[in-house]
Amino acid sequence: MTAGITLTPDELTAGDVVAGGHFALSRDSLVRYAGASGDFNAIHYRDDVAASVGLPGVLAHGMLTMGLAVQPVVDWIGDPGRVLDYQVRFTRPVLVDPVEGAELIVSAKVGKIDADAGTARIDLTVTYNGDTVLGKAQAVVSLAPSASV
C-alpha cells in the first residue's frame, strides 16, 4: 500500500475542496453489502417489509452510506490508516428505488488545520436528491504519511 501524499499544514487552507465523488447505489449493491456486512435486515432489500414498518421504501444501510462518504478522503490522502477519526450523524435515509437506484454525492472540504498536531479536519457534505443525508460528517486525517510496516 502506498503511504499517500505528504502535506504540510501551510499547503492547505480552510475551505479548500480536496476530494469528492458520485456513488451509484442499486438494489444489487444493497444485497452485496448485506452479504459482506452480515446485516440482512429486510428493510434494505424488500419493499413490503420497509412499508410494514412505516418506511417510504427500501433504505441503504447507514454504514454503507458512511463508508462511501469517507472513500474520497481515503483516495485523496492515499492511506486509510491516516484517517485518525471519523464521525457522522445520520440525518435522512437514502431510499434506493428498484429501477432508478440512488446516487450519493460527496464533497470533502478542509474544515480546520491543526499545525501542531499535523492534522486536518475534513468536513464532508453528503447529499442524495439534493438533501443532506449525513450531518456533522467529519474525518480527521494525518498530513504525514504512515510509517510502512
N, C-alpha and C. Protein backbone atom coordinates (compact mmCIF):
# COMPACT_ATOMS: atom_id res chain seq x y z
N MET A 1 0.84 -1.17 0.00
CA MET A 1 0.00 0.00 0.00
C MET A 1 0.89 1.24 0.00
N THR A 2 0.48 2.23 -0.75
CA THR A 2 1.22 3.47 -0.81
C THR A 2 1.00 4.30 0.45
N ALA A 3 1.99 5.08 0.82
CA ALA A 3 1.88 5.93 2.00
C ALA A 3 1.05 7.17 1.70
N GLY A 4 0.82 7.46 0.44
CA GLY A 4 -0.02 8.60 0.08
C GLY A 4 0.77 9.89 -0.01
N ILE A 5 0.03 10.95 -0.14
CA ILE A 5 0.63 12.27 -0.32
C ILE A 5 1.17 12.78 1.01
N THR A 6 2.17 13.64 0.91
CA THR A 6 2.68 14.34 2.08
C THR A 6 2.25 15.79 1.95
N LEU A 7 1.67 16.30 3.00
CA LEU A 7 1.23 17.70 3.01
C LEU A 7 1.76 18.38 4.26
N THR A 8 2.03 19.64 4.13
CA THR A 8 2.32 20.43 5.31
C THR A 8 1.11 21.31 5.58
N PRO A 9 0.90 21.69 6.83
CA PRO A 9 -0.28 22.50 7.15
C PRO A 9 -0.40 23.78 6.32
N ASP A 10 0.72 24.35 5.89
CA ASP A 10 0.64 25.58 5.10
C ASP A 10 0.26 25.34 3.64
N GLU A 11 0.16 24.07 3.23
CA GLU A 11 -0.28 23.75 1.87
C GLU A 11 -1.79 23.65 1.75
N LEU A 12 -2.48 23.68 2.88
CA LEU A 12 -3.94 23.61 2.88
C LEU A 12 -4.50 24.86 3.52
N THR A 13 -5.70 25.20 3.09
CA THR A 13 -6.42 26.33 3.65
C THR A 13 -7.83 25.88 3.98
N ALA A 14 -8.34 26.33 5.11
CA ALA A 14 -9.72 26.02 5.44
C ALA A 14 -10.60 26.47 4.29
N GLY A 15 -11.48 25.59 3.86
CA GLY A 15 -12.37 25.87 2.73
C GLY A 15 -11.93 25.20 1.44
N ASP A 16 -10.68 24.74 1.37
CA ASP A 16 -10.22 24.02 0.17
C ASP A 16 -11.04 22.75 -0.02
N VAL A 17 -11.55 22.54 -1.22
CA VAL A 17 -12.19 21.28 -1.56
C VAL A 17 -11.07 20.34 -2.00
N VAL A 18 -10.93 19.21 -1.29
CA VAL A 18 -9.82 18.29 -1.57
C VAL A 18 -10.25 17.00 -2.26
N ALA A 19 -11.52 16.69 -2.21
CA ALA A 19 -11.98 15.44 -2.81
C ALA A 19 -13.49 15.47 -2.99
N GLY A 20 -13.98 14.52 -3.75
CA GLY A 20 -15.42 14.39 -3.95
C GLY A 20 -15.70 13.17 -4.79
N GLY A 21 -16.97 12.87 -4.91
CA GLY A 21 -17.34 11.73 -5.74
C GLY A 21 -18.83 11.55 -5.84
N HIS A 22 -19.22 10.75 -6.81
CA HIS A 22 -20.61 10.35 -7.03
C HIS A 22 -20.65 8.84 -6.91
N PHE A 23 -21.61 8.34 -6.14
CA PHE A 23 -21.70 6.91 -5.89
C PHE A 23 -23.11 6.43 -6.22
N ALA A 24 -23.19 5.54 -7.21
CA ALA A 24 -24.47 4.98 -7.61
C ALA A 24 -24.77 3.76 -6.74
N LEU A 25 -25.98 3.72 -6.21
CA LEU A 25 -26.43 2.58 -5.43
C LEU A 25 -27.60 1.92 -6.16
N SER A 26 -27.60 0.61 -6.14
CA SER A 26 -28.72 -0.15 -6.72
C SER A 26 -29.18 -1.15 -5.67
N ARG A 27 -30.29 -1.79 -5.93
CA ARG A 27 -30.73 -2.84 -5.03
C ARG A 27 -29.68 -3.96 -4.96
N ASP A 28 -29.02 -4.23 -6.09
CA ASP A 28 -27.94 -5.22 -6.09
C ASP A 28 -26.82 -4.80 -5.13
N SER A 29 -26.49 -3.50 -5.12
CA SER A 29 -25.46 -3.00 -4.20
C SER A 29 -25.83 -3.31 -2.76
N LEU A 30 -27.11 -3.13 -2.44
CA LEU A 30 -27.56 -3.35 -1.07
C LEU A 30 -27.46 -4.83 -0.68
N VAL A 31 -27.82 -5.71 -1.61
CA VAL A 31 -27.73 -7.15 -1.33
C VAL A 31 -26.27 -7.56 -1.15
N ARG A 32 -25.40 -7.02 -1.99
CA ARG A 32 -23.97 -7.33 -1.86
C ARG A 32 -23.43 -6.83 -0.52
N TYR A 33 -23.83 -5.62 -0.15
CA TYR A 33 -23.37 -5.08 1.13
C TYR A 33 -23.91 -5.92 2.29
N ALA A 34 -25.15 -6.35 2.19
CA ALA A 34 -25.72 -7.19 3.24
C ALA A 34 -24.89 -8.46 3.41
N GLY A 35 -24.49 -9.06 2.31
CA GLY A 35 -23.66 -10.27 2.38
C GLY A 35 -22.30 -10.00 2.99
N ALA A 36 -21.71 -8.86 2.64
CA ALA A 36 -20.38 -8.53 3.17
C ALA A 36 -20.43 -8.15 4.64
N SER A 37 -21.49 -7.47 5.05
CA SER A 37 -21.57 -6.95 6.42
C SER A 37 -22.29 -7.88 7.37
N GLY A 38 -23.11 -8.76 6.83
CA GLY A 38 -23.94 -9.62 7.68
C GLY A 38 -25.22 -8.95 8.14
N ASP A 39 -25.51 -7.76 7.63
CA ASP A 39 -26.74 -7.04 8.00
C ASP A 39 -27.83 -7.37 6.98
N PHE A 40 -28.62 -8.38 7.30
CA PHE A 40 -29.66 -8.84 6.41
C PHE A 40 -31.05 -8.33 6.80
N ASN A 41 -31.11 -7.19 7.46
CA ASN A 41 -32.41 -6.60 7.81
C ASN A 41 -33.16 -6.36 6.50
N ALA A 42 -34.35 -6.88 6.40
CA ALA A 42 -35.12 -6.87 5.14
C ALA A 42 -35.53 -5.47 4.70
N ILE A 43 -35.45 -4.46 5.55
CA ILE A 43 -35.76 -3.09 5.11
C ILE A 43 -34.77 -2.60 4.07
N HIS A 44 -33.66 -3.33 3.93
CA HIS A 44 -32.63 -2.94 2.97
C HIS A 44 -32.78 -3.63 1.61
N TYR A 45 -33.81 -4.48 1.46
CA TYR A 45 -33.97 -5.10 0.15
C TYR A 45 -35.41 -5.49 -0.19
N ARG A 46 -36.37 -5.35 0.76
CA ARG A 46 -37.76 -5.73 0.46
C ARG A 46 -38.69 -4.56 0.72
N ASP A 47 -39.38 -4.13 -0.33
CA ASP A 47 -40.33 -3.01 -0.21
C ASP A 47 -41.45 -3.31 0.77
N ASP A 48 -41.96 -4.54 0.75
CA ASP A 48 -43.09 -4.86 1.62
C ASP A 48 -42.70 -4.77 3.10
N VAL A 49 -41.51 -5.21 3.45
CA VAL A 49 -41.06 -5.13 4.83
C VAL A 49 -40.81 -3.68 5.22
N ALA A 50 -40.18 -2.92 4.34
CA ALA A 50 -39.95 -1.49 4.62
C ALA A 50 -41.28 -0.78 4.86
N ALA A 51 -42.27 -1.04 4.02
CA ALA A 51 -43.59 -0.42 4.17
C ALA A 51 -44.26 -0.86 5.47
N SER A 52 -44.09 -2.11 5.85
CA SER A 52 -44.76 -2.63 7.06
C SER A 52 -44.27 -1.96 8.34
N VAL A 53 -43.07 -1.35 8.30
CA VAL A 53 -42.56 -0.64 9.47
C VAL A 53 -42.62 0.87 9.28
N GLY A 54 -43.40 1.30 8.27
CA GLY A 54 -43.64 2.73 8.08
C GLY A 54 -42.61 3.48 7.27
N LEU A 55 -41.74 2.78 6.59
CA LEU A 55 -40.72 3.44 5.77
C LEU A 55 -41.27 3.69 4.37
N PRO A 56 -40.78 4.74 3.71
CA PRO A 56 -41.27 5.06 2.37
C PRO A 56 -40.71 4.15 1.28
N GLY A 57 -39.77 3.29 1.62
CA GLY A 57 -39.18 2.38 0.66
C GLY A 57 -37.94 1.73 1.24
N VAL A 58 -37.25 0.98 0.41
CA VAL A 58 -36.03 0.30 0.81
C VAL A 58 -34.94 1.34 1.06
N LEU A 59 -34.24 1.17 2.18
CA LEU A 59 -33.20 2.12 2.57
C LEU A 59 -31.81 1.52 2.40
N ALA A 60 -30.86 2.37 2.01
CA ALA A 60 -29.46 1.95 2.01
C ALA A 60 -29.01 1.79 3.46
N HIS A 61 -28.13 0.86 3.70
CA HIS A 61 -27.55 0.67 5.03
C HIS A 61 -26.82 1.95 5.44
N GLY A 62 -26.98 2.34 6.68
CA GLY A 62 -26.29 3.52 7.18
C GLY A 62 -24.78 3.39 7.09
N MET A 63 -24.27 2.22 7.44
CA MET A 63 -22.82 2.03 7.40
C MET A 63 -22.28 2.02 5.97
N LEU A 64 -23.10 1.61 5.01
CA LEU A 64 -22.70 1.68 3.61
C LEU A 64 -22.60 3.14 3.19
N THR A 65 -23.59 3.93 3.56
CA THR A 65 -23.57 5.36 3.25
C THR A 65 -22.35 6.02 3.89
N MET A 66 -22.10 5.69 5.15
CA MET A 66 -20.96 6.26 5.87
C MET A 66 -19.64 5.87 5.21
N GLY A 67 -19.52 4.62 4.81
CA GLY A 67 -18.30 4.15 4.16
C GLY A 67 -18.06 4.80 2.81
N LEU A 68 -19.12 4.94 2.03
CA LEU A 68 -18.97 5.60 0.73
C LEU A 68 -18.57 7.06 0.90
N ALA A 69 -19.10 7.70 1.93
CA ALA A 69 -18.83 9.12 2.15
C ALA A 69 -17.36 9.41 2.43
N VAL A 70 -16.69 8.52 3.15
CA VAL A 70 -15.29 8.76 3.50
C VAL A 70 -14.33 8.31 2.40
N GLN A 71 -14.80 7.52 1.45
CA GLN A 71 -13.91 6.98 0.43
C GLN A 71 -13.14 8.05 -0.35
N PRO A 72 -13.76 9.17 -0.76
CA PRO A 72 -12.97 10.18 -1.46
C PRO A 72 -11.81 10.74 -0.61
N VAL A 73 -12.00 10.81 0.70
CA VAL A 73 -10.93 11.28 1.59
C VAL A 73 -9.80 10.26 1.61
N VAL A 74 -10.15 8.98 1.71
CA VAL A 74 -9.14 7.92 1.70
C VAL A 74 -8.37 7.94 0.38
N ASP A 75 -9.09 8.10 -0.72
CA ASP A 75 -8.44 8.15 -2.03
C ASP A 75 -7.49 9.35 -2.12
N TRP A 76 -7.92 10.49 -1.60
CA TRP A 76 -7.10 11.71 -1.64
C TRP A 76 -5.85 11.57 -0.77
N ILE A 77 -6.02 11.09 0.45
CA ILE A 77 -4.90 11.02 1.39
C ILE A 77 -4.00 9.81 1.09
N GLY A 78 -4.56 8.79 0.42
CA GLY A 78 -3.76 7.68 -0.08
C GLY A 78 -3.54 6.52 0.86
N ASP A 79 -4.07 6.58 2.08
CA ASP A 79 -3.84 5.51 3.06
C ASP A 79 -4.95 5.57 4.10
N PRO A 80 -5.77 4.53 4.21
CA PRO A 80 -6.85 4.57 5.21
C PRO A 80 -6.33 4.70 6.64
N GLY A 81 -5.09 4.31 6.89
CA GLY A 81 -4.51 4.43 8.22
C GLY A 81 -4.28 5.88 8.64
N ARG A 82 -4.34 6.79 7.68
CA ARG A 82 -4.16 8.21 8.00
C ARG A 82 -5.46 8.88 8.41
N VAL A 83 -6.56 8.17 8.32
CA VAL A 83 -7.83 8.68 8.86
C VAL A 83 -7.82 8.35 10.35
N LEU A 84 -7.64 9.37 11.17
CA LEU A 84 -7.47 9.18 12.60
C LEU A 84 -8.79 9.15 13.35
N ASP A 85 -9.81 9.79 12.80
CA ASP A 85 -11.12 9.85 13.44
C ASP A 85 -12.14 10.11 12.33
N TYR A 86 -13.31 9.52 12.49
CA TYR A 86 -14.38 9.72 11.51
C TYR A 86 -15.70 9.60 12.22
N GLN A 87 -16.53 10.63 12.07
CA GLN A 87 -17.83 10.66 12.74
C GLN A 87 -18.88 11.25 11.82
N VAL A 88 -20.09 10.76 11.97
CA VAL A 88 -21.23 11.32 11.24
C VAL A 88 -22.47 11.25 12.12
N ARG A 89 -23.47 12.02 11.74
CA ARG A 89 -24.82 11.85 12.28
C ARG A 89 -25.71 11.53 11.08
N PHE A 90 -26.52 10.51 11.24
CA PHE A 90 -27.45 10.14 10.17
C PHE A 90 -28.66 11.07 10.27
N THR A 91 -28.91 11.85 9.22
CA THR A 91 -29.98 12.85 9.27
C THR A 91 -31.18 12.49 8.40
N ARG A 92 -30.95 11.79 7.29
CA ARG A 92 -32.03 11.38 6.39
C ARG A 92 -31.68 10.03 5.78
N PRO A 93 -32.70 9.23 5.52
CA PRO A 93 -32.42 7.94 4.88
C PRO A 93 -32.14 8.12 3.38
N VAL A 94 -31.44 7.16 2.83
CA VAL A 94 -31.21 7.10 1.39
C VAL A 94 -32.12 6.01 0.84
N LEU A 95 -33.16 6.44 0.12
CA LEU A 95 -34.10 5.49 -0.50
C LEU A 95 -33.52 5.01 -1.81
N VAL A 96 -33.52 3.70 -2.00
CA VAL A 96 -32.96 3.12 -3.22
C VAL A 96 -34.10 2.55 -4.04
N ASP A 97 -34.43 3.27 -5.09
CA ASP A 97 -35.52 2.89 -5.99
C ASP A 97 -35.18 1.57 -6.69
N PRO A 98 -36.17 0.68 -6.88
CA PRO A 98 -35.87 -0.61 -7.52
C PRO A 98 -35.37 -0.49 -8.95
N VAL A 99 -35.74 0.59 -9.65
CA VAL A 99 -35.32 0.77 -11.04
C VAL A 99 -34.22 1.82 -11.16
N GLU A 100 -34.46 2.99 -10.58
CA GLU A 100 -33.54 4.12 -10.71
C GLU A 100 -32.34 4.05 -9.77
N GLY A 101 -32.47 3.32 -8.68
CA GLY A 101 -31.41 3.28 -7.68
C GLY A 101 -31.33 4.59 -6.93
N ALA A 102 -30.15 4.97 -6.55
CA ALA A 102 -29.92 6.23 -5.84
C ALA A 102 -28.49 6.66 -6.12
N GLU A 103 -28.24 7.95 -6.00
CA GLU A 103 -26.89 8.47 -6.18
C GLU A 103 -26.53 9.35 -5.00
N LEU A 104 -25.40 9.02 -4.36
CA LEU A 104 -24.85 9.87 -3.31
C LEU A 104 -23.82 10.78 -3.93
N ILE A 105 -23.83 12.03 -3.51
CA ILE A 105 -22.83 12.99 -3.96
C ILE A 105 -22.06 13.46 -2.73
N VAL A 106 -20.74 13.36 -2.81
CA VAL A 106 -19.87 13.68 -1.68
C VAL A 106 -18.92 14.80 -2.06
N SER A 107 -18.79 15.78 -1.17
CA SER A 107 -17.78 16.82 -1.31
C SER A 107 -17.00 16.90 0.00
N ALA A 108 -15.68 16.88 -0.10
CA ALA A 108 -14.80 16.91 1.07
C ALA A 108 -14.01 18.21 1.08
N LYS A 109 -14.17 18.97 2.15
CA LYS A 109 -13.58 20.29 2.25
C LYS A 109 -12.78 20.41 3.55
N VAL A 110 -11.64 21.08 3.50
CA VAL A 110 -10.85 21.31 4.71
C VAL A 110 -11.64 22.21 5.64
N GLY A 111 -11.89 21.71 6.85
CA GLY A 111 -12.63 22.50 7.84
C GLY A 111 -11.72 23.22 8.81
N LYS A 112 -10.63 22.54 9.21
CA LYS A 112 -9.71 23.12 10.19
C LYS A 112 -8.37 22.42 10.06
N ILE A 113 -7.31 23.16 10.25
CA ILE A 113 -5.96 22.62 10.22
C ILE A 113 -5.36 22.80 11.61
N ASP A 114 -4.76 21.73 12.13
CA ASP A 114 -4.05 21.78 13.40
C ASP A 114 -2.57 21.57 13.08
N ALA A 115 -1.85 22.67 12.90
CA ALA A 115 -0.44 22.59 12.50
C ALA A 115 0.40 21.88 13.56
N ASP A 116 0.10 22.12 14.84
CA ASP A 116 0.88 21.49 15.91
C ASP A 116 0.73 19.97 15.88
N ALA A 117 -0.46 19.48 15.62
CA ALA A 117 -0.71 18.03 15.59
C ALA A 117 -0.42 17.43 14.22
N GLY A 118 -0.27 18.27 13.19
CA GLY A 118 -0.05 17.75 11.84
C GLY A 118 -1.27 17.07 11.27
N THR A 119 -2.46 17.62 11.61
CA THR A 119 -3.71 17.03 11.15
C THR A 119 -4.60 18.07 10.49
N ALA A 120 -5.57 17.57 9.76
CA ALA A 120 -6.60 18.43 9.19
C ALA A 120 -7.95 17.77 9.42
N ARG A 121 -8.94 18.59 9.74
CA ARG A 121 -10.32 18.09 9.82
C ARG A 121 -10.94 18.32 8.46
N ILE A 122 -11.47 17.25 7.89
CA ILE A 122 -12.11 17.32 6.59
C ILE A 122 -13.62 17.20 6.82
N ASP A 123 -14.35 18.22 6.38
CA ASP A 123 -15.80 18.25 6.52
C ASP A 123 -16.42 17.70 5.25
N LEU A 124 -17.31 16.75 5.42
CA LEU A 124 -17.95 16.09 4.29
C LEU A 124 -19.39 16.56 4.14
N THR A 125 -19.76 16.88 2.93
CA THR A 125 -21.16 17.14 2.60
C THR A 125 -21.62 15.97 1.75
N VAL A 126 -22.65 15.28 2.22
CA VAL A 126 -23.14 14.08 1.55
C VAL A 126 -24.61 14.28 1.25
N THR A 127 -24.95 14.28 -0.03
CA THR A 127 -26.34 14.54 -0.43
C THR A 127 -26.90 13.41 -1.28
N TYR A 128 -28.21 13.31 -1.21
CA TYR A 128 -29.00 12.39 -2.04
C TYR A 128 -30.25 13.17 -2.42
N ASN A 129 -30.53 13.25 -3.71
CA ASN A 129 -31.68 14.01 -4.21
C ASN A 129 -31.69 15.45 -3.69
N GLY A 130 -30.52 16.04 -3.54
CA GLY A 130 -30.42 17.43 -3.11
C GLY A 130 -30.52 17.64 -1.61
N ASP A 131 -30.77 16.59 -0.84
CA ASP A 131 -30.87 16.69 0.62
C ASP A 131 -29.62 16.13 1.28
N THR A 132 -29.17 16.79 2.33
CA THR A 132 -28.04 16.30 3.10
C THR A 132 -28.49 15.08 3.90
N VAL A 133 -27.73 13.99 3.79
CA VAL A 133 -28.11 12.75 4.47
C VAL A 133 -27.21 12.40 5.65
N LEU A 134 -26.06 13.04 5.74
CA LEU A 134 -25.18 12.88 6.89
C LEU A 134 -24.88 14.26 7.45
N GLY A 135 -25.11 14.43 8.74
CA GLY A 135 -24.83 15.70 9.38
C GLY A 135 -23.52 15.62 10.14
N LYS A 136 -22.86 16.73 10.27
CA LYS A 136 -21.59 16.82 11.00
C LYS A 136 -20.66 15.66 10.64
N ALA A 137 -20.57 15.40 9.36
CA ALA A 137 -19.69 14.33 8.86
C ALA A 137 -18.28 14.90 8.77
N GLN A 138 -17.39 14.36 9.61
CA GLN A 138 -16.04 14.89 9.69
C GLN A 138 -15.03 13.77 9.84
N ALA A 139 -13.92 13.92 9.13
CA ALA A 139 -12.80 13.00 9.25
C ALA A 139 -11.57 13.81 9.64
N VAL A 140 -10.82 13.33 10.60
CA VAL A 140 -9.54 13.95 10.94
C VAL A 140 -8.47 13.09 10.31
N VAL A 141 -7.59 13.73 9.52
CA VAL A 141 -6.54 12.99 8.82
C VAL A 141 -5.16 13.50 9.22
N SER A 142 -4.21 12.57 9.21
CA SER A 142 -2.81 12.92 9.43
C SER A 142 -2.26 13.45 8.12
N LEU A 143 -1.53 14.55 8.19
CA LEU A 143 -0.95 15.12 6.98
C LEU A 143 0.36 14.44 6.59
N ALA A 144 0.94 13.67 7.51
CA ALA A 144 2.19 12.96 7.22
C ALA A 144 1.86 11.50 6.89
N PRO A 145 2.60 10.93 5.94
CA PRO A 145 2.34 9.53 5.61
C PRO A 145 2.61 8.61 6.79
N SER A 146 1.89 7.49 6.82
CA SER A 146 2.10 6.48 7.85
C SER A 146 3.43 5.78 7.61
N ALA A 147 4.03 5.33 8.67
CA ALA A 147 5.26 4.56 8.53
C ALA A 147 4.91 3.20 7.93
N SER A 148 5.76 2.68 7.02
CA SER A 148 5.47 1.37 6.45
C SER A 148 5.82 0.28 7.45
N VAL A 149 5.04 -0.80 7.33
CA VAL A 149 5.20 -1.92 8.26
C VAL A 149 6.09 -2.96 7.63
